[in-house]
Amino acid sequence: MMFMQLWITEWMKIRRSWLPFLLIIGPVAGILIGISNFLANQEVFIKGPDSNEWLEAWTQVQLFYASIIFPVLVSIMSAIVCRSEHISGGWKQLLALPVSRSSVYLTKLMVVAVLIALMQVMLLSAYIAVGSMLFHSTLPIQQMLRFIILGWLAALPLSAMQMIVSVRFISFGLPLAINIACTLPVVIVVNSTAGQYYPWALPALAMSPEDESPIQSYPLFYAIVIGVLLISVLIGVRSFEHKDSVG
């Protein structure tokens, strides 16, 4: 019952924030930039009758969205979810409730995970809506679903790492600045052999078609995603439980 109250409270706070707007503007921006670049250079991407417009255009959407926009938005989500508690002693009020600190922390983390999933659904829905008006190829729905699901999974370690920083620091800008600094190298790192070892590059790899910058080893990909996620959650929960004061 207390977990449900925490869950409802978090979503009520989200309704009064910028998060619903970001869930829409992020995917739409990635699609508009990516498809515009595809249409402007269509002769470069369409290399023959077997080329699929959906997948070729997706390479550009993935380049801008998964490599840049997506990781930054994950950071913003984590920061906003913690923002209200950093204002006017919100942490003290929340932790005064008869609920464990680990429950509070994990609830916020699960909220971010759901927000990421919703943003991925928005991305797919908007891409299909726009693509249906522009493309004549067959929609590779199974591949698109795989990009969306793997992208969500790859973003979970980022959300867990960002939650540690967002809980620790009152400043909204500091967690965002750290994330942006770590996101900037993605465009270079994603094409290197070290790409799968760099958490910020995992969404770009997960959402990339096989002929672009795909996942090189799925066992390694899953191992890194699960490993970084579990370690980050354990560090975050332990730090939160043993912290004398928050915010």
C-alpha atoms as a PDB file:
ATOM      1  CA  MET A   1       0.000   0.000   0.000  1.00  0.00           C
ATOM      2  CA  MET A   2       2.783   2.446   0.912  1.00  0.00           C
ATOM      3  CA  PHE A   3       4.628   1.651  -2.327  1.00  0.00           C
ATOM      4  CA  MET A   4       1.463   2.443  -4.277  1.00  0.00           C
ATOM      5  CA  GLN A   5       1.150   5.765  -2.459  1.00  0.00           C
ATOM      6  CA  LEU A   6       4.753   6.600  -3.333  1.00  0.00           C
ATOM      7  CA  TRP A   7       4.106   5.609  -6.950  1.00  0.00           C
ATOM      8  CA  ILE A   8       0.979   7.778  -7.208  1.00  0.00           C
ATOM      9  CA  THR A   9       2.719  10.706  -5.537  1.00  0.00           C
ATOM     10  CA  GLU A  10       5.612  10.578  -8.011  1.00  0.00           C
ATOM     11  CA  TRP A  11       3.276  10.622 -11.004  1.00  0.00           C
ATOM     12  CA  MET A  12       1.266  13.495  -9.563  1.00  0.00           C
ATOM     13  CA  LYS A  13       4.474  15.537  -9.296  1.00  0.00           C
ATOM     14  CA  ILE A  14       5.440  14.607 -12.860  1.00  0.00           C
ATOM     15  CA  ARG A  15       2.149  15.956 -14.189  1.00  0.00           C
ATOM     16  CA  ARG A  16       3.134  19.387 -12.876  1.00  0.00           C
ATOM     17  CA  SER A  17       6.613  19.277 -14.454  1.00  0.00           C
ATOM     18  CA  TRP A  18       8.098  19.609 -17.916  1.00  0.00           C
ATOM     19  CA  LEU A  19       8.468  15.847 -18.318  1.00  0.00           C
ATOM     20  CA  PRO A  20       5.290  15.217 -20.369  1.00  0.00           C
ATOM     21  CA  PHE A  21       6.467  17.895 -22.805  1.00  0.00           C
ATOM     22  CA  LEU A  22       9.941  16.343 -23.045  1.00  0.00           C
ATOM     23  CA  LEU A  23       8.444  12.923 -23.803  1.00  0.00           C
ATOM     24  CA  ILE A  24       7.032  14.429 -26.968  1.00  0.00           C
ATOM     25  CA  ILE A  25       9.556  17.043 -28.031  1.00  0.00           C
ATOM     26  CA  GLY A  26      12.597  14.749 -27.710  1.00  0.00           C
ATOM     27  CA  PRO A  27      11.443  12.023 -30.127  1.00  0.00           C
ATOM     28  CA  VAL A  28       9.843  14.547 -32.493  1.00  0.00           C
ATOM     29  CA  ALA A  29      13.053  16.587 -32.654  1.00  0.00           C
ATOM     30  CA  GLY A  30      15.115  13.466 -33.364  1.00  0.00           C
ATOM     31  CA  ILE A  31      12.742  12.374 -36.117  1.00  0.00           C
ATOM     32  CA  LEU A  32      12.515  15.764 -37.793  1.00  0.00           C
ATOM     33  CA  ILE A  33      16.277  16.279 -37.805  1.00  0.00           C
ATOM     34  CA  GLY A  34      17.007  12.721 -38.904  1.00  0.00           C
ATOM     35  CA  ILE A  35      14.422  12.492 -41.666  1.00  0.00           C
ATOM     36  CA  SER A  36      15.294  15.979 -42.934  1.00  0.00           C
ATOM     37  CA  ASN A  37      18.914  14.909 -43.279  1.00  0.00           C
ATOM     38  CA  PHE A  38      17.816  11.699 -45.014  1.00  0.00           C
ATOM     39  CA  LEU A  39      15.612  13.519 -47.534  1.00  0.00           C
ATOM     40  CA  ALA A  40      18.311  16.103 -48.246  1.00  0.00           C
ATOM     41  CA  ASN A  41      20.809  13.337 -49.070  1.00  0.00           C
ATOM     42  CA  GLN A  42      18.465  10.601 -50.253  1.00  0.00           C
ATOM     43  CA  GLU A  43      20.602   9.685 -53.255  1.00  0.00           C
ATOM     44  CA  VAL A  44      23.447   8.801 -50.880  1.00  0.00           C
ATOM     45  CA  PHE A  45      21.367   6.557 -48.634  1.00  0.00           C
ATOM     46  CA  ILE A  46      19.254   4.787 -51.270  1.00  0.00           C
ATOM     47  CA  LYS A  47      21.841   2.594 -52.965  1.00  0.00           C
ATOM     48  CA  GLY A  48      19.585   0.278 -54.953  1.00  0.00           C
ATOM     49  CA  PRO A  49      16.095  -1.165 -55.367  1.00  0.00           C
ATOM     50  CA  ASP A  50      16.594  -3.355 -52.311  1.00  0.00           C
ATOM     51  CA  SER A  51      17.180  -0.396 -50.017  1.00  0.00           C
ATOM     52  CA  ASN A  52      14.450   0.097 -47.439  1.00  0.00           C
ATOM     53  CA  GLU A  53      13.564   3.757 -46.884  1.00  0.00           C
ATOM     54  CA  TRP A  54      12.432   3.094 -43.318  1.00  0.00           C
ATOM     55  CA  LEU A  55      15.776   1.615 -42.307  1.00  0.00           C
ATOM     56  CA  GLU A  56      17.886   4.091 -44.269  1.00  0.00           C
ATOM     57  CA  ALA A  57      16.064   7.059 -42.731  1.00  0.00           C
ATOM     58  CA  TRP A  58      16.278   5.393 -39.323  1.00  0.00           C
ATOM     59  CA  THR A  59      20.083   5.514 -39.509  1.00  0.00           C
ATOM     60  CA  GLN A  60      19.828   9.307 -39.384  1.00  0.00           C
ATOM     61  CA  VAL A  61      17.160   9.369 -36.684  1.00  0.00           C
ATOM     62  CA  GLN A  62      19.286   7.007 -34.618  1.00  0.00           C
ATOM     63  CA  LEU A  63      22.359   9.178 -35.179  1.00  0.00           C
ATOM     64  CA  PHE A  64      20.758  12.301 -33.727  1.00  0.00           C
ATOM     65  CA  TYR A  65      18.304  10.779 -31.273  1.00  0.00           C
ATOM     66  CA  ALA A  66      20.029   7.735 -29.775  1.00  0.00           C
ATOM     67  CA  SER A  67      23.516   9.262 -29.761  1.00  0.00           C
ATOM     68  CA  ILE A  68      22.686  12.722 -28.421  1.00  0.00           C
ATOM     69  CA  ILE A  69      19.079  13.531 -27.548  1.00  0.00           C
ATOM     70  CA  PHE A  70      18.169  10.286 -25.779  1.00  0.00           C
ATOM     71  CA  PRO A  71      21.054  10.146 -23.248  1.00  0.00           C
ATOM     72  CA  VAL A  72      20.595  13.815 -22.362  1.00  0.00           C
ATOM     73  CA  LEU A  73      16.855  13.374 -21.818  1.00  0.00           C
ATOM     74  CA  VAL A  74      17.495  10.395 -19.539  1.00  0.00           C
ATOM     75  CA  SER A  75      19.618  12.700 -17.387  1.00  0.00           C
ATOM     76  CA  ILE A  76      16.938  15.393 -17.359  1.00  0.00           C
ATOM     77  CA  MET A  77      14.301  12.849 -16.331  1.00  0.00           C
ATOM     78  CA  SER A  78      16.354  11.659 -13.375  1.00  0.00           C
ATOM     79  CA  ALA A  79      17.056  15.228 -12.304  1.00  0.00           C
ATOM     80  CA  ILE A  80      13.417  16.347 -12.546  1.00  0.00           C
ATOM     81  CA  VAL A  81      12.180  13.293 -10.623  1.00  0.00           C
ATOM     82  CA  CYS A  82      14.426  14.401  -7.743  1.00  0.00           C
ATOM     83  CA  ARG A  83      13.946  18.132  -8.238  1.00  0.00           C
ATOM     84  CA  SER A  84      10.867  18.649  -6.068  1.00  0.00           C
ATOM     85  CA  GLU A  85      12.565  16.934  -3.094  1.00  0.00           C
ATOM     86  CA  HIS A  86      15.537  19.276  -3.381  1.00  0.00           C
ATOM     87  CA  ILE A  87      13.213  22.269  -3.027  1.00  0.00           C
ATOM     88  CA  SER A  88      11.991  23.462   0.392  1.00  0.00           C
ATOM     89  CA  GLY A  89      13.149  20.415   2.332  1.00  0.00           C
ATOM     90  CA  GLY A  90      11.130  17.946   0.286  1.00  0.00           C
ATOM     91  CA  TRP A  91      13.425  15.056   1.144  1.00  0.00           C
ATOM     92  CA  LYS A  92      12.827  15.456   4.878  1.00  0.00           C
ATOM     93  CA  GLN A  93       9.069  15.456   4.353  1.00  0.00           C
ATOM     94  CA  LEU A  94       9.179  12.392   2.127  1.00  0.00           C
ATOM     95  CA  LEU A  95      11.520  10.422   4.362  1.00  0.00           C
ATOM     96  CA  ALA A  96       9.395  11.228   7.412  1.00  0.00           C
ATOM     97  CA  LEU A  97       6.781   8.862   6.013  1.00  0.00           C
ATOM     98  CA  PRO A  98       6.694   5.266   7.320  1.00  0.00           C
ATOM     99  CA  VAL A  99       8.571   3.899   4.326  1.00  0.00           C
ATOM    100  CA  SER A 100      12.112   2.672   3.808  1.00  0.00           C
ATOM    101  CA  ARG A 101      14.660   4.802   2.011  1.00  0.00           C
ATOM    102  CA  SER A 102      15.303   1.989  -0.444  1.00  0.00           C
ATOM    103  CA  SER A 103      11.608   2.024  -1.400  1.00  0.00           C
ATOM    104  CA  VAL A 104      11.764   5.760  -2.056  1.00  0.00           C
ATOM    105  CA  TYR A 105      14.886   5.439  -4.163  1.00  0.00           C
ATOM    106  CA  LEU A 106      13.703   2.425  -6.172  1.00  0.00           C
ATOM    107  CA  THR A 107      10.306   4.003  -6.799  1.00  0.00           C
ATOM    108  CA  LYS A 108      11.943   7.037  -8.364  1.00  0.00           C
ATOM    109  CA  LEU A 109      14.176   4.803 -10.449  1.00  0.00           C
ATOM    110  CA  MET A 110      11.201   2.768 -11.688  1.00  0.00           C
ATOM    111  CA  VAL A 111       9.347   5.965 -12.578  1.00  0.00           C
ATOM    112  CA  VAL A 112      12.279   7.019 -14.765  1.00  0.00           C
ATOM    113  CA  ALA A 113      12.335   3.559 -16.386  1.00  0.00           C
ATOM    114  CA  VAL A 114       8.642   3.907 -17.275  1.00  0.00           C
ATOM    115  CA  LEU A 115       9.210   7.430 -18.612  1.00  0.00           C
ATOM    116  CA  ILE A 116      11.986   6.134 -20.852  1.00  0.00           C
ATOM    117  CA  ALA A 117       9.667   3.400 -22.130  1.00  0.00           C
ATOM    118  CA  LEU A 118       6.940   5.955 -22.860  1.00  0.00           C
ATOM    119  CA  MET A 119       9.408   8.122 -24.754  1.00  0.00           C
ATOM    120  CA  GLN A 120      10.477   5.138 -26.846  1.00  0.00           C
ATOM    121  CA  VAL A 121       6.844   4.356 -27.646  1.00  0.00           C
ATOM    122  CA  MET A 122       6.371   7.984 -28.653  1.00  0.00           C
ATOM    123  CA  LEU A 123       9.440   7.744 -30.893  1.00  0.00           C
ATOM    124  CA  LEU A 124       8.139   4.668 -32.701  1.00  0.00           C
ATOM    125  CA  SER A 125       4.611   6.058 -33.050  1.00  0.00           C
ATOM    126  CA  ALA A 126       5.799   9.398 -34.425  1.00  0.00           C
ATOM    127  CA  TYR A 127       8.291   7.745 -36.772  1.00  0.00           C
ATOM    128  CA  ILE A 128       5.620   5.472 -38.230  1.00  0.00           C
ATOM    129  CA  ALA A 129       3.218   8.409 -38.576  1.00  0.00           C
ATOM    130  CA  VAL A 130       5.752  10.545 -40.444  1.00  0.00           C
ATOM    131  CA  GLY A 131       7.204   7.662 -42.435  1.00  0.00           C
ATOM    132  CA  SER A 132       3.797   6.533 -43.640  1.00  0.00           C
ATOM    133  CA  MET A 133       3.458   9.858 -45.451  1.00  0.00           C
ATOM    134  CA  LEU A 134       6.929   9.753 -47.010  1.00  0.00           C
ATOM    135  CA  PHE A 135       8.090   6.187 -47.575  1.00  0.00           C
ATOM    136  CA  HIS A 136       6.880   3.548 -50.006  1.00  0.00           C
ATOM    137  CA  SER A 137       8.919   0.601 -48.724  1.00  0.00           C
ATOM    138  CA  THR A 138       7.487  -2.061 -46.428  1.00  0.00           C
ATOM    139  CA  LEU A 139       7.657  -1.116 -42.762  1.00  0.00           C
ATOM    140  CA  PRO A 140      10.075  -3.541 -41.020  1.00  0.00           C
ATOM    141  CA  ILE A 141       8.039  -3.534 -37.833  1.00  0.00           C
ATOM    142  CA  GLN A 142       9.929  -6.367 -36.120  1.00  0.00           C
ATOM    143  CA  GLN A 143      13.252  -4.590 -36.573  1.00  0.00           C
ATOM    144  CA  MET A 144      11.772  -1.310 -35.403  1.00  0.00           C
ATOM    145  CA  LEU A 145      10.377  -2.942 -32.269  1.00  0.00           C
ATOM    146  CA  ARG A 146      13.779  -4.476 -31.581  1.00  0.00           C
ATOM    147  CA  PHE A 147      15.443  -1.051 -31.857  1.00  0.00           C
ATOM    148  CA  ILE A 148      12.913   0.456 -29.449  1.00  0.00           C
ATOM    149  CA  ILE A 149      13.103  -2.326 -26.844  1.00  0.00           C
ATOM    150  CA  LEU A 150      16.888  -2.637 -26.917  1.00  0.00           C
ATOM    151  CA  GLY A 151      17.216   1.150 -26.751  1.00  0.00           C
ATOM    152  CA  TRP A 152      15.061   1.203 -23.626  1.00  0.00           C
ATOM    153  CA  LEU A 153      17.094  -1.572 -22.055  1.00  0.00           C
ATOM    154  CA  ALA A 154      20.375   0.162 -22.900  1.00  0.00           C
ATOM    155  CA  ALA A 155      19.179   3.386 -21.255  1.00  0.00           C
ATOM    156  CA  LEU A 156      18.432   1.780 -17.891  1.00  0.00           C
ATOM    157  CA  PRO A 157      22.081   1.781 -16.705  1.00  0.00           C
ATOM    158  CA  LEU A 158      22.286   5.475 -17.616  1.00  0.00           C
ATOM    159  CA  SER A 159      19.195   6.240 -15.562  1.00  0.00           C
ATOM    160  CA  ALA A 160      20.611   4.342 -12.586  1.00  0.00           C
ATOM    161  CA  MET A 161      23.941   6.178 -12.774  1.00  0.00           C
ATOM    162  CA  GLN A 162      22.241   9.540 -13.211  1.00  0.00           C
ATOM    163  CA  MET A 163      19.958   8.881 -10.255  1.00  0.00           C
ATOM    164  CA  ILE A 164      23.001   8.634  -7.985  1.00  0.00           C
ATOM    165  CA  VAL A 165      24.122  12.104  -9.059  1.00  0.00           C
ATOM    166  CA  SER A 166      20.630  13.610  -9.112  1.00  0.00           C
ATOM    167  CA  VAL A 167      19.898  12.498  -5.541  1.00  0.00           C
ATOM    168  CA  ARG A 168      23.270  13.674  -4.292  1.00  0.00           C
ATOM    169  CA  PHE A 169      23.339  17.221  -5.707  1.00  0.00           C
ATOM    170  CA  ILE A 170      20.758  19.971  -5.274  1.00  0.00           C
ATOM    171  CA  SER A 171      21.845  21.683  -8.473  1.00  0.00           C
ATOM    172  CA  PHE A 172      19.792  20.737 -11.524  1.00  0.00           C
ATOM    173  CA  GLY A 173      22.563  21.833 -13.856  1.00  0.00           C
ATOM    174  CA  LEU A 174      25.375  19.701 -12.439  1.00  0.00           C
ATOM    175  CA  PRO A 175      23.891  16.257 -13.258  1.00  0.00           C
ATOM    176  CA  LEU A 176      22.932  17.562 -16.685  1.00  0.00           C
ATOM    177  CA  ALA A 177      26.407  18.981 -17.317  1.00  0.00           C
ATOM    178  CA  ILE A 178      28.032  15.680 -16.333  1.00  0.00           C
ATOM    179  CA  ASN A 179      25.733  13.766 -18.655  1.00  0.00           C
ATOM    180  CA  ILE A 180      26.303  16.108 -21.580  1.00  0.00           C
ATOM    181  CA  ALA A 181      30.073  15.853 -21.104  1.00  0.00           C
ATOM    182  CA  CYS A 182      29.804  12.058 -21.178  1.00  0.00           C
ATOM    183  CA  THR A 183      27.420  12.119 -24.169  1.00  0.00           C
ATOM    184  CA  LEU A 184      29.585  14.256 -26.443  1.00  0.00           C
ATOM    185  CA  PRO A 185      32.127  11.478 -27.222  1.00  0.00           C
ATOM    186  CA  VAL A 186      29.392   8.995 -28.203  1.00  0.00           C
ATOM    187  CA  VAL A 187      29.467   9.824 -31.922  1.00  0.00           C
ATOM    188  CA  ILE A 188      33.162   8.873 -31.978  1.00  0.00           C
ATOM    189  CA  VAL A 189      33.166   6.057 -29.432  1.00  0.00           C
ATOM    190  CA  VAL A 190      30.191   4.240 -30.962  1.00  0.00           C
ATOM    191  CA  ASN A 191      32.238   3.413 -34.066  1.00  0.00           C
ATOM    192  CA  SER A 192      35.209   2.079 -32.111  1.00  0.00           C
ATOM    193  CA  THR A 193      35.852  -1.344 -30.608  1.00  0.00           C
ATOM    194  CA  ALA A 194      35.442   0.222 -27.162  1.00  0.00           C
ATOM    195  CA  GLY A 195      31.884   1.338 -27.917  1.00  0.00           C
ATOM    196  CA  GLN A 196      30.184  -1.506 -26.075  1.00  0.00           C
ATOM    197  CA  TYR A 197      32.154  -0.726 -22.904  1.00  0.00           C
ATOM    198  CA  TYR A 198      30.977   2.899 -22.797  1.00  0.00           C
ATOM    199  CA  PRO A 199      27.517   3.106 -21.158  1.00  0.00           C
ATOM    200  CA  TRP A 200      26.517   6.321 -22.950  1.00  0.00           C
ATOM    201  CA  ALA A 201      27.106   4.635 -26.321  1.00  0.00           C
ATOM    202  CA  LEU A 202      24.905   1.613 -25.559  1.00  0.00           C
ATOM    203  CA  PRO A 203      21.599   3.204 -26.707  1.00  0.00           C
ATOM    204  CA  ALA A 204      23.151   4.208 -30.037  1.00  0.00           C
ATOM    205  CA  LEU A 205      24.477   0.691 -30.573  1.00  0.00           C
ATOM    206  CA  ALA A 206      21.196  -0.904 -29.518  1.00  0.00           C
ATOM    207  CA  MET A 207      19.146   1.212 -31.919  1.00  0.00           C
ATOM    208  CA  SER A 208      21.492   0.927 -34.896  1.00  0.00           C
ATOM    209  CA  PRO A 209      20.711  -1.195 -37.985  1.00  0.00           C
ATOM    210  CA  GLU A 210      22.980  -4.157 -38.610  1.00  0.00           C
ATOM    211  CA  ASP A 211      24.855  -2.461 -41.477  1.00  0.00           C
ATOM    212  CA  GLU A 212      25.702   0.673 -39.500  1.00  0.00           C
ATOM    213  CA  SER A 213      27.077   0.548 -35.926  1.00  0.00           C
ATOM    214  CA  PRO A 214      25.403  -2.547 -34.519  1.00  0.00           C
ATOM    215  CA  ILE A 215      25.961  -4.458 -31.319  1.00  0.00           C
ATOM    216  CA  GLN A 216      29.099  -6.506 -31.872  1.00  0.00           C
ATOM    217  CA  SER A 217      28.388  -9.110 -29.204  1.00  0.00           C
ATOM    218  CA  TYR A 218      24.938  -9.567 -27.701  1.00  0.00           C
ATOM    219  CA  PRO A 219      26.196 -11.605 -24.706  1.00  0.00           C
ATOM    220  CA  LEU A 220      28.650  -8.797 -23.916  1.00  0.00           C
ATOM    221  CA  PHE A 221      25.947  -6.168 -24.457  1.00  0.00           C
ATOM    222  CA  TYR A 222      23.538  -7.824 -22.023  1.00  0.00           C
ATOM    223  CA  ALA A 223      26.323  -8.483 -19.523  1.00  0.00           C
ATOM    224  CA  ILE A 224      27.380  -4.834 -19.511  1.00  0.00           C
ATOM    225  CA  VAL A 225      23.811  -3.513 -19.351  1.00  0.00           C
ATOM    226  CA  ILE A 226      22.812  -5.805 -16.479  1.00  0.00           C
ATOM    227  CA  GLY A 227      26.136  -5.435 -14.681  1.00  0.00           C
ATOM    228  CA  VAL A 228      26.247  -1.626 -14.805  1.00  0.00           C
ATOM    229  CA  LEU A 229      22.557  -1.428 -13.888  1.00  0.00           C
ATOM    230  CA  LEU A 230      22.851  -3.688 -10.835  1.00  0.00           C
ATOM    231  CA  ILE A 231      26.057  -2.072  -9.587  1.00  0.00           C
ATOM    232  CA  SER A 232      24.619   1.434 -10.025  1.00  0.00           C
ATOM    233  CA  VAL A 233      21.383   0.499  -8.237  1.00  0.00           C
ATOM    234  CA  LEU A 234      23.262  -1.100  -5.344  1.00  0.00           C
ATOM    235  CA  ILE A 235      25.595   1.897  -4.981  1.00  0.00           C
ATOM    236  CA  GLY A 236      22.697   4.329  -5.220  1.00  0.00           C
ATOM    237  CA  VAL A 237      20.509   2.534  -2.678  1.00  0.00           C
ATOM    238  CA  ARG A 238      23.365   1.995  -0.239  1.00  0.00           C
ATOM    239  CA  SER A 239      24.458   5.625  -0.493  1.00  0.00           C
ATOM    240  CA  PHE A 240      20.898   6.848  -0.031  1.00  0.00           C
ATOM    241  CA  GLU A 241      20.276   4.638   2.986  1.00  0.00           C
ATOM    242  CA  HIS A 242      23.443   5.720   4.788  1.00  0.00           C
ATOM    243  CA  LYS A 243      23.270   9.392   4.001  1.00  0.00           C
ATOM    244  CA  ASP A 244      22.632  11.552   7.067  1.00  0.00           C
ATOM    245  CA  SER A 245      20.796  14.193   5.072  1.00  0.00           C
ATOM    246  CA  VAL A 246      19.651  14.468   1.476  1.00  0.00           C
ATOM    247  CA  GLY A 247      19.682  17.606  -0.603  1.00  0.00           C
END
